[in-house]
PDB file of N, CA and C in Angstrom:
ATOM      1  N   MET A   1       0.881  -1.266  -0.382  1.00  0.00           N
ATOM      2  CA  MET A   1      -0.099  -0.053   0.111  1.00  0.00           C
ATOM      3  C   MET A   1       0.554   1.163  -0.066  1.00  0.00           C
ATOM      4  N   THR A   2       2.172   1.084   1.097  1.00  0.00           N
ATOM      5  CA  THR A   2       2.614   2.338   0.632  1.00  0.00           C
ATOM      6  C   THR A   2       3.208   2.608  -0.480  1.00  0.00           C
ATOM      7  N   GLY A   3       3.819   1.588  -1.835  1.00  0.00           N
ATOM      8  CA  GLY A   3       3.956   2.097  -2.874  1.00  0.00           C
ATOM      9  C   GLY A   3       3.126   2.540  -3.902  1.00  0.00           C
ATOM     10  N   GLU A   4       1.674   2.225  -3.668  1.00  0.00           N
ATOM     11  CA  GLU A   4       0.975   2.902  -4.014  1.00  0.00           C
ATOM     12  C   GLU A   4       0.709   3.872  -4.077  1.00  0.00           C
ATOM     13  N   SER A   5       0.666   4.586  -2.508  1.00  0.00           N
ATOM     14  CA  SER A   5       0.099   5.796  -2.107  1.00  0.00           C
ATOM     15  C   SER A   5       1.498   6.615  -2.971  1.00  0.00           C
ATOM     16  N   TYR A   6       2.628   6.542  -2.890  1.00  0.00           N
ATOM     17  CA  TYR A   6       3.860   6.865  -3.476  1.00  0.00           C
ATOM     18  C   TYR A   6       3.668   7.290  -4.868  1.00  0.00           C
ATOM     19  N   ARG A   7       2.833   6.400  -5.718  1.00  0.00           N
ATOM     20  CA  ARG A   7       2.929   6.085  -7.052  1.00  0.00           C
ATOM     21  C   ARG A   7       1.656   7.504  -7.056  1.00  0.00           C
ATOM     22  N   TYR A   8      -0.190   7.590  -6.287  1.00  0.00           N
ATOM     23  CA  TYR A   8      -0.527   8.588  -6.571  1.00  0.00           C
ATOM     24  C   TYR A   8      -0.174  10.170  -5.990  1.00  0.00           C
ATOM     25  N   ILE A   9       0.962  10.272  -5.333  1.00  0.00           N
ATOM     26  CA  ILE A   9       1.490  11.098  -5.254  1.00  0.00           C
ATOM     27  C   ILE A   9       2.456  11.832  -6.333  1.00  0.00           C
ATOM     28  N   ALA A  10       3.501  10.926  -6.445  1.00  0.00           N
ATOM     29  CA  ALA A  10       4.348  11.051  -8.045  1.00  0.00           C
ATOM     30  C   ALA A  10       3.269  11.123  -9.213  1.00  0.00           C
ATOM     31  N   GLU A  11       2.353  10.818  -9.292  1.00  0.00           N
ATOM     32  CA  GLU A  11       1.281  11.358 -10.443  1.00  0.00           C
ATOM     33  C   GLU A  11       0.856  12.829 -10.217  1.00  0.00           C
ATOM     34  N   ILE A  12       1.184  13.680  -9.203  1.00  0.00           N
ATOM     35  CA  ILE A  12       0.436  14.904  -9.088  1.00  0.00           C
ATOM     36  C   ILE A  12       1.588  15.697  -8.490  1.00  0.00           C
ATOM     37  N   GLU A  13       2.599  15.229  -8.200  1.00  0.00           N
ATOM     38  CA  GLU A  13       3.651  15.771  -7.315  1.00  0.00           C
ATOM     39  C   GLU A  13       5.169  16.914  -8.472  1.00  0.00           C
ATOM     40  N   ASP A  14       5.116  18.176  -8.120  1.00  0.00           N
ATOM     41  CA  ASP A  14       6.260  18.028  -9.072  1.00  0.00           C
ATOM     42  C   ASP A  14       7.014  18.783  -8.415  1.00  0.00           C
ATOM     43  N   GLU A  15       7.441  19.323  -7.752  1.00  0.00           N
ATOM     44  CA  GLU A  15       8.641  19.720  -6.473  1.00  0.00           C
ATOM     45  C   GLU A  15       9.581  18.263  -5.577  1.00  0.00           C
ATOM     46  N   ASN A  16       9.123  17.480  -5.389  1.00  0.00           N
ATOM     47  CA  ASN A  16       9.215  16.468  -4.716  1.00  0.00           C
ATOM     48  C   ASN A  16       9.547  14.842  -5.771  1.00  0.00           C
ATOM     49  N   LYS A  17       9.251  15.160  -6.735  1.00  0.00           N
ATOM     50  CA  LYS A  17       8.674  14.149  -7.567  1.00  0.00           C
ATOM     51  C   LYS A  17      10.281  12.670  -8.072  1.00  0.00           C
ATOM     52  N   THR A  18      10.925  12.720  -7.756  1.00  0.00           N
ATOM     53  CA  THR A  18      12.667  12.567  -8.203  1.00  0.00           C
ATOM     54  C   THR A  18      12.156  11.505  -6.878  1.00  0.00           C
ATOM     55  N   GLU A  19      11.905  11.994  -5.839  1.00  0.00           N
ATOM     56  CA  GLU A  19      12.183  11.387  -4.347  1.00  0.00           C
ATOM     57  C   GLU A  19      10.557  10.735  -4.165  1.00  0.00           C
ATOM     58  N   THR A  20      10.229  10.779  -4.572  1.00  0.00           N
ATOM     59  CA  THR A  20       8.661  10.282  -4.525  1.00  0.00           C
ATOM     60  C   THR A  20       8.855   9.012  -5.067  1.00  0.00           C
ATOM     61  N   ILE A  21       9.137   8.877  -6.068  1.00  0.00           N
ATOM     62  CA  ILE A  21       9.747   8.115  -7.402  1.00  0.00           C
ATOM     63  C   ILE A  21       9.957   6.708  -6.614  1.00  0.00           C
ATOM     64  N   GLU A  22      11.591   7.199  -5.975  1.00  0.00           N
ATOM     65  CA  GLU A  22      12.502   6.538  -5.780  1.00  0.00           C
ATOM     66  C   GLU A  22      11.587   5.255  -4.433  1.00  0.00           C
ATOM     67  N   LEU A  23      10.858   6.952  -3.254  1.00  0.00           N
ATOM     68  CA  LEU A  23      10.360   5.866  -2.857  1.00  0.00           C
ATOM     69  C   LEU A  23       9.478   4.830  -2.672  1.00  0.00           C
ATOM     70  N   ALA A  24       8.601   5.100  -3.874  1.00  0.00           N
ATOM     71  CA  ALA A  24       7.572   4.464  -4.344  1.00  0.00           C
ATOM     72  C   ALA A  24       8.144   2.539  -5.223  1.00  0.00           C
ATOM     73  N   THR A  25       9.059   3.249  -5.602  1.00  0.00           N
ATOM     74  CA  THR A  25       9.942   2.387  -6.562  1.00  0.00           C
ATOM     75  C   THR A  25      10.297   0.799  -5.535  1.00  0.00           C
ATOM     76  N   VAL A  26      11.157   1.633  -4.431  1.00  0.00           N
ATOM     77  CA  VAL A  26      11.832   1.046  -3.128  1.00  0.00           C
ATOM     78  C   VAL A  26      10.516  -0.165  -2.269  1.00  0.00           C
ATOM     79  N   SER A  27       9.523   0.824  -2.031  1.00  0.00           N
ATOM     80  CA  SER A  27       8.216   0.086  -1.295  1.00  0.00           C
ATOM     81  C   SER A  27       7.692  -0.927  -2.362  1.00  0.00           C
ATOM     82  N   TYR A  28       7.690  -0.849  -3.728  1.00  0.00           N
ATOM     83  CA  TYR A  28       6.916  -1.729  -4.416  1.00  0.00           C
ATOM     84  C   TYR A  28       7.823  -2.614  -4.387  1.00  0.00           C
ATOM     85  N   ALA A  29       9.181  -2.815  -4.428  1.00  0.00           N
ATOM     86  CA  ALA A  29       9.977  -3.800  -4.971  1.00  0.00           C
ATOM     87  C   ALA A  29       9.773  -4.860  -3.692  1.00  0.00           C
ATOM     88  N   ASP A  30       9.826  -3.913  -2.283  1.00  0.00           N
ATOM     89  CA  ASP A  30       9.724  -4.796  -1.338  1.00  0.00           C
ATOM     90  C   ASP A  30       8.819  -5.559  -0.675  1.00  0.00           C
ATOM     91  N   ALA A  31       7.483  -4.812  -1.501  1.00  0.00           N
ATOM     92  CA  ALA A  31       6.361  -5.537  -0.927  1.00  0.00           C
ATOM     93  C   ALA A  31       6.355  -6.869  -1.769  1.00  0.00           C
ATOM     94  N   PHE A  32       6.631  -6.410  -3.046  1.00  0.00           N
ATOM     95  CA  PHE A  32       6.728  -7.647  -4.246  1.00  0.00           C
ATOM     96  C   PHE A  32       7.523  -8.727  -3.860  1.00  0.00           C
ATOM     97  N   ASP A  33       8.504  -8.714  -3.092  1.00  0.00           N
ATOM     98  CA  ASP A  33       9.379  -9.634  -2.901  1.00  0.00           C
ATOM     99  C   ASP A  33       8.917 -10.504  -1.570  1.00  0.00           C
ATOM    100  N   ILE A  34       8.432  -9.359  -1.014  1.00  0.00           N
ATOM    101  CA  ILE A  34       7.397 -10.433   0.222  1.00  0.00           C
ATOM    102  C   ILE A  34       6.527 -10.949  -0.243  1.00  0.00           C
ATOM    103  N   ALA A  35       5.745 -10.646  -1.323  1.00  0.00           N
ATOM    104  CA  ALA A  35       4.817 -11.386  -1.786  1.00  0.00           C
ATOM    105  C   ALA A  35       4.233 -12.457  -2.442  1.00  0.00           C
ATOM    106  N   ARG A  36       5.979 -12.481  -3.154  1.00  0.00           N
ATOM    107  CA  ARG A  36       6.180 -13.469  -4.607  1.00  0.00           C
ATOM    108  C   ARG A  36       7.081 -14.684  -3.149  1.00  0.00           C
ATOM    109  N   ASN A  37       6.891 -14.209  -1.935  1.00  0.00           N
ATOM    110  CA  ASN A  37       7.725 -15.782  -1.394  1.00  0.00           C
ATOM    111  C   ASN A  37       7.016 -16.124  -0.637  1.00  0.00           C
ATOM    112  N   ASP A  38       5.890 -15.051  -0.202  1.00  0.00           N
ATOM    113  CA  ASP A  38       4.833 -15.721   1.291  1.00  0.00           C
ATOM    114  C   ASP A  38       3.492 -15.658   0.320  1.00  0.00           C
ATOM    115  N   LEU A  39       2.945 -15.195  -0.401  1.00  0.00           N
ATOM    116  CA  LEU A  39       1.878 -15.871  -0.971  1.00  0.00           C
ATOM    117  C   LEU A  39       1.891 -16.853  -2.377  1.00  0.00           C
ATOM    118  N   ASN A  40       0.555 -17.238  -2.126  1.00  0.00           N
ATOM    119  CA  ASN A  40       0.572 -18.105  -3.930  1.00  0.00           C
ATOM    120  C   ASN A  40      -0.035 -17.253  -4.745  1.00  0.00           C
ATOM    121  N   GLY A  41       0.391 -18.088  -6.009  1.00  0.00           N
ATOM    122  CA  GLY A  41       0.084 -17.125  -7.196  1.00  0.00           C
ATOM    123  C   GLY A  41      -1.341 -16.645  -7.548  1.00  0.00           C
ATOM    124  N   LEU A  42      -2.320 -17.405  -6.856  1.00  0.00           N
ATOM    125  CA  LEU A  42      -3.604 -16.830  -6.797  1.00  0.00           C
ATOM    126  C   LEU A  42      -4.200 -16.064  -5.318  1.00  0.00           C
ATOM    127  N   ASN A  43      -3.348 -15.473  -4.807  1.00  0.00           N
ATOM    128  CA  ASN A  43      -3.284 -14.989  -4.104  1.00  0.00           C
ATOM    129  C   ASN A  43      -4.072 -13.194  -4.017  1.00  0.00           C
ATOM    130  N   LEU A  44      -5.169 -12.819  -3.554  1.00  0.00           N
ATOM    131  CA  LEU A  44      -5.636 -11.613  -4.225  1.00  0.00           C
ATOM    132  C   LEU A  44      -4.844 -10.674  -4.040  1.00  0.00           C
ATOM    133  N   ILE A  45      -4.502 -10.467  -2.780  1.00  0.00           N
ATOM    134  CA  ILE A  45      -3.377  -9.193  -2.524  1.00  0.00           C
ATOM    135  C   ILE A  45      -2.205  -9.433  -3.467  1.00  0.00           C
ATOM    136  N   ARG A  46      -1.496 -10.483  -3.429  1.00  0.00           N
ATOM    137  CA  ARG A  46      -0.489 -10.771  -4.646  1.00  0.00           C
ATOM    138  C   ARG A  46      -0.767  -9.743  -5.863  1.00  0.00           C
ATOM    139  N   LEU A  47      -2.273 -10.419  -6.572  1.00  0.00           N
ATOM    140  CA  LEU A  47      -2.231  -9.909  -7.663  1.00  0.00           C
ATOM    141  C   LEU A  47      -2.892  -8.434  -8.233  1.00  0.00           C
ATOM    142  N   GLU A  48      -3.225  -7.919  -6.812  1.00  0.00           N
ATOM    143  CA  GLU A  48      -3.369  -6.481  -6.531  1.00  0.00           C
ATOM    144  C   GLU A  48      -1.797  -5.984  -7.194  1.00  0.00           C
ATOM    145  N   LEU A  49      -0.682  -6.625  -5.932  1.00  0.00           N
ATOM    146  CA  LEU A  49       0.209  -6.208  -6.273  1.00  0.00           C
ATOM    147  C   LEU A  49       0.788  -6.069  -7.314  1.00  0.00           C
ATOM    148  N   ALA A  50       0.429  -6.841  -8.031  1.00  0.00           N
ATOM    149  CA  ALA A  50       1.511  -7.028  -9.480  1.00  0.00           C
ATOM    150  C   ALA A  50       0.465  -6.221 -10.509  1.00  0.00           C
ATOM    151  N   LEU A  51      -0.545  -5.942  -9.969  1.00  0.00           N
ATOM    152  CA  LEU A  51      -1.340  -4.780 -11.348  1.00  0.00           C
ATOM    153  C   LEU A  51      -0.970  -3.479 -10.997  1.00  0.00           C
ATOM    154  N   SER A  52      -0.734  -2.713  -9.565  1.00  0.00           N
ATOM    155  CA  SER A  52      -0.198  -1.882  -9.202  1.00  0.00           C
ATOM    156  C   SER A  52       0.623  -1.581  -9.643  1.00  0.00           C
ATOM    157  N   TYR A  53       2.014  -2.372  -9.159  1.00  0.00           N
ATOM    158  CA  TYR A  53       2.843  -2.017  -9.654  1.00  0.00           C
ATOM    159  C   TYR A  53       3.540  -2.364 -11.065  1.00  0.00           C
ATOM    160  N   SER A  54       3.040  -2.911 -11.471  1.00  0.00           N
ATOM    161  CA  SER A  54       2.978  -3.002 -13.321  1.00  0.00           C
ATOM    162  C   SER A  54       2.318  -1.566 -13.420  1.00  0.00           C
ATOM    163  N   MET A  55       1.094  -0.982 -13.137  1.00  0.00           N
ATOM    164  CA  MET A  55       1.035  -0.023 -13.771  1.00  0.00           C
ATOM    165  C   MET A  55       1.512   1.127 -13.486  1.00  0.00           C
ATOM    166  N   PHE A  56       2.656   1.308 -12.399  1.00  0.00           N
ATOM    167  CA  PHE A  56       3.468   2.220 -11.941  1.00  0.00           C
ATOM    168  C   PHE A  56       4.437   1.949 -13.090  1.00  0.00           C
ATOM    169  N   TYR A  57       4.941   1.369 -13.067  1.00  0.00           N
ATOM    170  CA  TYR A  57       6.108   1.225 -14.390  1.00  0.00           C
ATOM    171  C   TYR A  57       5.636   1.235 -15.601  1.00  0.00           C
ATOM    172  N   HIS A  58       4.509   1.780 -15.832  1.00  0.00           N
ATOM    173  CA  HIS A  58       3.626   2.352 -17.407  1.00  0.00           C
ATOM    174  C   HIS A  58       3.442   3.337 -17.111  1.00  0.00           C
ATOM    175  N   ASP A  59       2.377   3.925 -15.922  1.00  0.00           N
ATOM    176  CA  ASP A  59       1.863   5.464 -15.681  1.00  0.00           C
ATOM    177  C   ASP A  59       3.523   6.160 -15.571  1.00  0.00           C
ATOM    178  N   ILE A  60       3.923   5.878 -14.384  1.00  0.00           N
ATOM    179  CA  ILE A  60       5.079   6.805 -14.227  1.00  0.00           C
ATOM    180  C   ILE A  60       6.213   6.234 -14.502  1.00  0.00           C
ATOM    181  N   MET A  61       7.105   5.621 -14.480  1.00  0.00           N
ATOM    182  CA  MET A  61       8.049   5.225 -15.278  1.00  0.00           C
ATOM    183  C   MET A  61       8.670   5.362 -16.255  1.00  0.00           C
ATOM    184  N   ASN A  62       7.406   4.889 -17.268  1.00  0.00           N
ATOM    185  CA  ASN A  62       7.448   4.648 -18.734  1.00  0.00           C
ATOM    186  C   ASN A  62       8.263   3.587 -19.312  1.00  0.00           C
ATOM    187  N   ASP A  63       8.124   3.159 -18.417  1.00  0.00           N
ATOM    188  CA  ASP A  63       8.939   1.893 -19.032  1.00  0.00           C
ATOM    189  C   ASP A  63       8.214   0.015 -19.303  1.00  0.00           C
ATOM    190  N   ILE A  64       7.359   0.402 -20.552  1.00  0.00           N
ATOM    191  CA  ILE A  64       6.710  -0.753 -20.463  1.00  0.00           C
ATOM    192  C   ILE A  64       7.126  -2.318 -20.751  1.00  0.00           C
ATOM    193  N   ASP A  65       8.143  -2.132 -21.137  1.00  0.00           N
ATOM    194  CA  ASP A  65       8.563  -3.558 -21.054  1.00  0.00           C
ATOM    195  C   ASP A  65       8.848  -4.487 -19.525  1.00  0.00           C
ATOM    196  N   ARG A  66       9.359  -3.142 -18.535  1.00  0.00           N
ATOM    197  CA  ARG A  66       8.609  -3.846 -17.095  1.00  0.00           C
ATOM    198  C   ARG A  66       7.824  -3.992 -16.745  1.00  0.00           C
ATOM    199  N   ALA A  67       6.651  -3.455 -17.336  1.00  0.00           N
ATOM    200  CA  ALA A  67       5.596  -3.398 -16.704  1.00  0.00           C
ATOM    201  C   ALA A  67       5.077  -4.436 -17.365  1.00  0.00           C
ATOM    202  N   ILE A  68       4.932  -5.054 -18.650  1.00  0.00           N
ATOM    203  CA  ILE A  68       4.872  -6.260 -18.502  1.00  0.00           C
ATOM    204  C   ILE A  68       4.827  -7.588 -18.227  1.00  0.00           C
ATOM    205  N   ALA A  69       6.486  -7.251 -17.970  1.00  0.00           N
ATOM    206  CA  ALA A  69       7.307  -8.013 -17.486  1.00  0.00           C
ATOM    207  C   ALA A  69       6.302  -8.543 -16.133  1.00  0.00           C
ATOM    208  N   ILE A  70       6.597  -7.576 -15.160  1.00  0.00           N
ATOM    209  CA  ILE A  70       5.487  -8.038 -14.034  1.00  0.00           C
ATOM    210  C   ILE A  70       4.627  -8.332 -13.851  1.00  0.00           C
ATOM    211  N   ALA A  71       3.365  -7.778 -14.581  1.00  0.00           N
ATOM    212  CA  ALA A  71       1.930  -8.070 -14.984  1.00  0.00           C
ATOM    213  C   ALA A  71       2.238  -9.786 -15.393  1.00  0.00           C
ATOM    214  N   SER A  72       2.727  -9.933 -16.811  1.00  0.00           N
ATOM    215  CA  SER A  72       3.211 -11.416 -17.284  1.00  0.00           C
ATOM    216  C   SER A  72       2.977 -12.294 -16.509  1.00  0.00           C
ATOM    217  N   SER A  73       4.493 -12.096 -15.772  1.00  0.00           N
ATOM    218  CA  SER A  73       4.836 -13.510 -14.984  1.00  0.00           C
ATOM    219  C   SER A  73       3.826 -13.376 -13.877  1.00  0.00           C
ATOM    220  N   GLU A  74       3.444 -12.325 -13.491  1.00  0.00           N
ATOM    221  CA  GLU A  74       2.340 -12.726 -12.158  1.00  0.00           C
ATOM    222  C   GLU A  74       1.064 -13.659 -12.779  1.00  0.00           C
ATOM    223  N   PHE A  75       0.650 -13.327 -14.020  1.00  0.00           N
ATOM    224  CA  PHE A  75      -0.184 -13.765 -14.286  1.00  0.00           C
ATOM    225  C   PHE A  75      -0.085 -14.922 -15.142  1.00  0.00           C
ATOM    226  N   TYR A  76       0.597 -15.347 -15.291  1.00  0.00           N
ATOM    227  CA  TYR A  76       0.935 -16.874 -15.751  1.00  0.00           C
ATOM    228  C   TYR A  76       1.107 -17.639 -14.363  1.00  0.00           C
ATOM    229  N   CYS A  77       2.044 -17.286 -13.523  1.00  0.00           N
ATOM    230  CA  CYS A  77       2.126 -17.706 -12.170  1.00  0.00           C
ATOM    231  C   CYS A  77       0.830 -17.961 -12.055  1.00  0.00           C
ATOM    232  N   ALA A  78      -0.128 -17.318 -11.684  1.00  0.00           N
ATOM    233  CA  ALA A  78      -1.364 -17.679 -11.427  1.00  0.00           C
ATOM    234  C   ALA A  78      -2.252 -19.016 -12.061  1.00  0.00           C
ATOM    235  N   ILE A  79      -2.392 -18.322 -13.410  1.00  0.00           N
ATOM    236  CA  ILE A  79      -2.455 -19.728 -14.548  1.00  0.00           C
ATOM    237  C   ILE A  79      -1.629 -21.014 -13.787  1.00  0.00           C
ATOM    238  N   ALA A  80      -0.648 -21.133 -13.546  1.00  0.00           N
ATOM    239  CA  ALA A  80      -0.073 -22.746 -13.190  1.00  0.00           C
ATOM    240  C   ALA A  80      -0.406 -22.668 -11.882  1.00  0.00           C
ATOM    241  N   GLU A  81      -0.435 -22.011 -11.339  1.00  0.00           N
ATOM    242  CA  GLU A  81      -1.677 -22.652  -9.642  1.00  0.00           C
ATOM    243  C   GLU A  81      -2.972 -23.149 -10.488  1.00  0.00           C
ATOM    244  N   LEU A  82      -3.269 -22.667 -11.503  1.00  0.00           N
ATOM    245  CA  LEU A  82      -5.055 -22.771 -11.317  1.00  0.00           C
ATOM    246  C   LEU A  82      -4.812 -24.164 -12.195  1.00  0.00           C
ATOM    247  N   ASP A  83      -3.914 -24.828 -12.880  1.00  0.00           N
ATOM    248  CA  ASP A  83      -3.654 -25.629 -13.406  1.00  0.00           C
ATOM    249  C   ASP A  83      -3.600 -26.921 -12.566  1.00  0.00           C
ATOM    250  N   GLY A  84      -3.837 -28.149 -12.828  1.00  0.00           N
ATOM    251  CA  GLY A  84      -3.743 -29.563 -11.827  1.00  0.00           C
ATOM    252  C   GLY A  84      -4.593 -29.205 -10.800  1.00  0.00           C
ATOM    253  N   THR A  85      -4.620 -28.158 -10.289  1.00  0.00           N
ATOM    254  CA  THR A  85      -5.269 -28.035  -8.822  1.00  0.00           C
ATOM    255  C   THR A  85      -6.498 -28.093  -8.683  1.00  0.00           C
ATOM    256  N   GLU A  86      -7.653 -28.148  -7.071  1.00  0.00           N
ATOM    257  CA  GLU A  86      -8.842 -27.999  -7.184  1.00  0.00           C
ATOM    258  C   GLU A  86      -8.683 -26.590  -6.094  1.00  0.00           C
ATOM    259  N   TYR A  87      -8.512 -25.158  -6.596  1.00  0.00           N
ATOM    260  CA  TYR A  87      -8.199 -24.040  -5.999  1.00  0.00           C
ATOM    261  C   TYR A  87      -9.411 -23.732  -6.019  1.00  0.00           C
ATOM    262  N   ASP A  88      -9.648 -23.168  -4.513  1.00  0.00           N
ATOM    263  CA  ASP A  88     -11.067 -22.236  -4.466  1.00  0.00           C
ATOM    264  C   ASP A  88     -11.389 -21.148  -5.072  1.00  0.00           C
ATOM    265  N   THR A  89     -11.367 -20.723  -6.139  1.00  0.00           N
ATOM    266  CA  THR A  89     -11.092 -18.702  -6.347  1.00  0.00           C
ATOM    267  C   THR A  89     -12.217 -18.656  -6.086  1.00  0.00           C
ATOM    268  N   ASN A  90     -12.610 -16.875  -6.170  1.00  0.00           N
ATOM    269  CA  ASN A  90     -14.104 -16.224  -6.039  1.00  0.00           C
ATOM    270  C   ASN A  90     -13.386 -15.230  -7.634  1.00  0.00           C
ATOM    271  N   ASP A  91     -14.577 -14.990  -7.986  1.00  0.00           N
ATOM    272  CA  ASP A  91     -14.695 -13.923  -8.861  1.00  0.00           C
ATOM    273  C   ASP A  91     -14.027 -12.890  -8.877  1.00  0.00           C
ATOM    274  N   ALA A  92     -13.675 -12.183  -7.459  1.00  0.00           N
ATOM    275  CA  ALA A  92     -12.579 -11.243  -7.626  1.00  0.00           C
ATOM    276  C   ALA A  92     -11.336 -11.772  -7.855  1.00  0.00           C
ATOM    277  N   ILE A  93     -10.725 -12.886  -8.123  1.00  0.00           N
ATOM    278  CA  ILE A  93      -9.046 -13.481  -8.316  1.00  0.00           C
ATOM    279  C   ILE A  93      -9.574 -13.417 -10.121  1.00  0.00           C
ATOM    280  N   PHE A  94     -10.606 -14.143 -11.084  1.00  0.00           N
ATOM    281  CA  PHE A  94     -10.648 -13.965 -11.785  1.00  0.00           C
ATOM    282  C   PHE A  94     -11.018 -12.994 -12.763  1.00  0.00           C
ATOM    283  N   GLN A  95     -11.875 -11.445 -12.363  1.00  0.00           N
ATOM    284  CA  GLN A  95     -11.811 -10.399 -12.487  1.00  0.00           C
ATOM    285  C   GLN A  95     -10.571  -9.771 -12.837  1.00  0.00           C
ATOM    286  N   LEU A  96      -9.803  -9.995 -11.447  1.00  0.00           N
ATOM    287  CA  LEU A  96      -8.468  -9.312 -11.776  1.00  0.00           C
ATOM    288  C   LEU A  96      -7.622 -10.408 -12.346  1.00  0.00           C
ATOM    289  N   MET A  97      -7.385 -11.599 -12.320  1.00  0.00           N
ATOM    290  CA  MET A  97      -6.285 -11.810 -13.549  1.00  0.00           C
ATOM    291  C   MET A  97      -6.614 -11.480 -15.126  1.00  0.00           C
ATOM    292  N   ARG A  98      -8.591 -10.865 -15.225  1.00  0.00           N
ATOM    293  CA  ARG A  98      -8.515 -11.243 -16.182  1.00  0.00           C
ATOM    294  C   ARG A  98      -8.169  -9.058 -16.906  1.00  0.00           C
ATOM    295  N   VAL A  99      -7.938  -8.349 -15.661  1.00  0.00           N
ATOM    296  CA  VAL A  99      -7.147  -7.561 -16.281  1.00  0.00           C
ATOM    297  C   VAL A  99      -5.999  -7.247 -16.177  1.00  0.00           C
ATOM    298  N   LEU A 100      -5.270  -8.090 -15.381  1.00  0.00           N
ATOM    299  CA  LEU A 100      -3.658  -8.130 -15.593  1.00  0.00           C
ATOM    300  C   LEU A 100      -3.778  -9.168 -17.238  1.00  0.00           C
ATOM    301  N   LYS A 101      -4.763  -8.990 -17.843  1.00  0.00           N
ATOM    302  CA  LYS A 101      -4.895 -10.216 -19.408  1.00  0.00           C
ATOM    303  C   LYS A 101      -4.757  -9.227 -20.244  1.00  0.00           C
ATOM    304  N   ASP A 102      -5.874  -8.360 -19.970  1.00  0.00           N
ATOM    305  CA  ASP A 102      -5.961  -7.182 -21.192  1.00  0.00           C
ATOM    306  C   ASP A 102      -5.080  -5.832 -20.952  1.00  0.00           C
ATOM    307  N   LYS A 103      -4.445  -5.875 -19.281  1.00  0.00           N
ATOM    308  CA  LYS A 103      -3.356  -4.681 -19.705  1.00  0.00           C
ATOM    309  C   LYS A 103      -1.916  -5.740 -20.220  1.00  0.00           C
ATOM    310  N   ILE A 104      -1.615  -6.817 -20.197  1.00  0.00           N
ATOM    311  CA  ILE A 104      -0.313  -7.047 -21.152  1.00  0.00           C
ATOM    312  C   ILE A 104      -0.879  -7.332 -22.332  1.00  0.00           C
ATOM    313  N   ASP A 105      -2.151  -7.180 -22.701  1.00  0.00           N
ATOM    314  CA  ASP A 105      -2.740  -7.487 -23.924  1.00  0.00           C
ATOM    315  C   ASP A 105      -2.298  -5.698 -24.841  1.00  0.00           C
ATOM    316  N   LEU A 106      -3.028  -5.055 -23.791  1.00  0.00           N
ATOM    317  CA  LEU A 106      -2.736  -3.587 -24.375  1.00  0.00           C
ATOM    318  C   LEU A 106      -1.497  -2.716 -24.448  1.00  0.00           C
ATOM    319  N   TRP A 107      -0.499  -3.409 -23.829  1.00  0.00           N
ATOM    320  CA  TRP A 107       0.768  -2.861 -23.209  1.00  0.00           C
ATOM    321  C   TRP A 107       1.518  -3.419 -24.730  1.00  0.00           C
ATOM    322  N   THR A 108       1.173  -4.326 -24.777  1.00  0.00           N
ATOM    323  CA  THR A 108       2.292  -5.128 -25.695  1.00  0.00           C
ATOM    324  C   THR A 108       1.973  -4.419 -26.939  1.00  0.00           C
ATOM    325  N   GLU A 109       0.524  -4.136 -27.452  1.00  0.00           N
ATOM    326  CA  GLU A 109       0.313  -3.504 -28.716  1.00  0.00           C
ATOM    327  C   GLU A 109       0.609  -2.029 -28.421  1.00  0.00           C
ATOM    328  N   GLU A 110       1.164  -1.346 -27.396  1.00  0.00           N
ATOM    329  CA  GLU A 110       1.240   0.365 -27.242  1.00  0.00           C
ATOM    330  C   GLU A 110       3.016   0.080 -27.965  1.00  0.00           C
ATOM    331  N   ASN A 111       3.474  -0.736 -27.170  1.00  0.00           N
ATOM    332  CA  ASN A 111       4.978  -1.098 -26.894  1.00  0.00           C
ATOM    333  C   ASN A 111       5.467  -1.681 -28.501  1.00  0.00           C
ATOM    334  N   ASN A 112       4.190  -2.471 -29.542  1.00  0.00           N
ATOM    335  CA  ASN A 112       4.693  -2.801 -30.856  1.00  0.00           C
ATOM    336  C   ASN A 112       4.511  -1.587 -31.681  1.00  0.00           C
ATOM    337  N   ALA A 113       3.776  -0.510 -31.249  1.00  0.00           N
ATOM    338  CA  ALA A 113       3.511   0.456 -32.144  1.00  0.00           C
ATOM    339  C   ALA A 113       4.410   1.328 -31.730  1.00  0.00           C
ATOM    340  N   ASP A 114       5.034   1.749 -30.628  1.00  0.00           N
ATOM    341  CA  ASP A 114       6.139   2.623 -30.577  1.00  0.00           C
ATOM    342  C   ASP A 114       7.410   1.998 -31.122  1.00  0.00           C
ATOM    343  N   SER A 115       7.442   0.545 -31.631  1.00  0.00           N
ATOM    344  CA  SER A 115       8.920   0.533 -31.849  1.00  0.00           C
ATOM    345  C   SER A 115       8.600   0.505 -33.528  1.00  0.00           C
ATOM    346  N   ARG A 116       7.385   1.273 -33.709  1.00  0.00           N
ATOM    347  CA  ARG A 116       7.768   1.015 -35.409  1.00  0.00           C
ATOM    348  C   ARG A 116       8.271   2.074 -36.062  1.00  0.00           C
TER     349      ARG A 116
END
């Protein structure tokens, strides 16, 4: 949540934007490491974090490749968790996975258009 708060501040910040972005980057990286180590791929908090973290790289850092990499790794990790297991998922997890996939597709198209 700290990373997301700094991301929102960075969107409107002018004076201390560089510092705010650095704080967001560190906060997101720390939270992402914890989530990947301690939560399974279908955990709602982990998926929400992946979406927020990837949007930070897309919207604030203007790093589409990194945004796609984060969203893709977590989307496919969640898919792998689904395969071969009887995991009781709720609609929120599937909706979040759909949003991640939509972002991956959108950003991939955007990235391909930029490279032309």
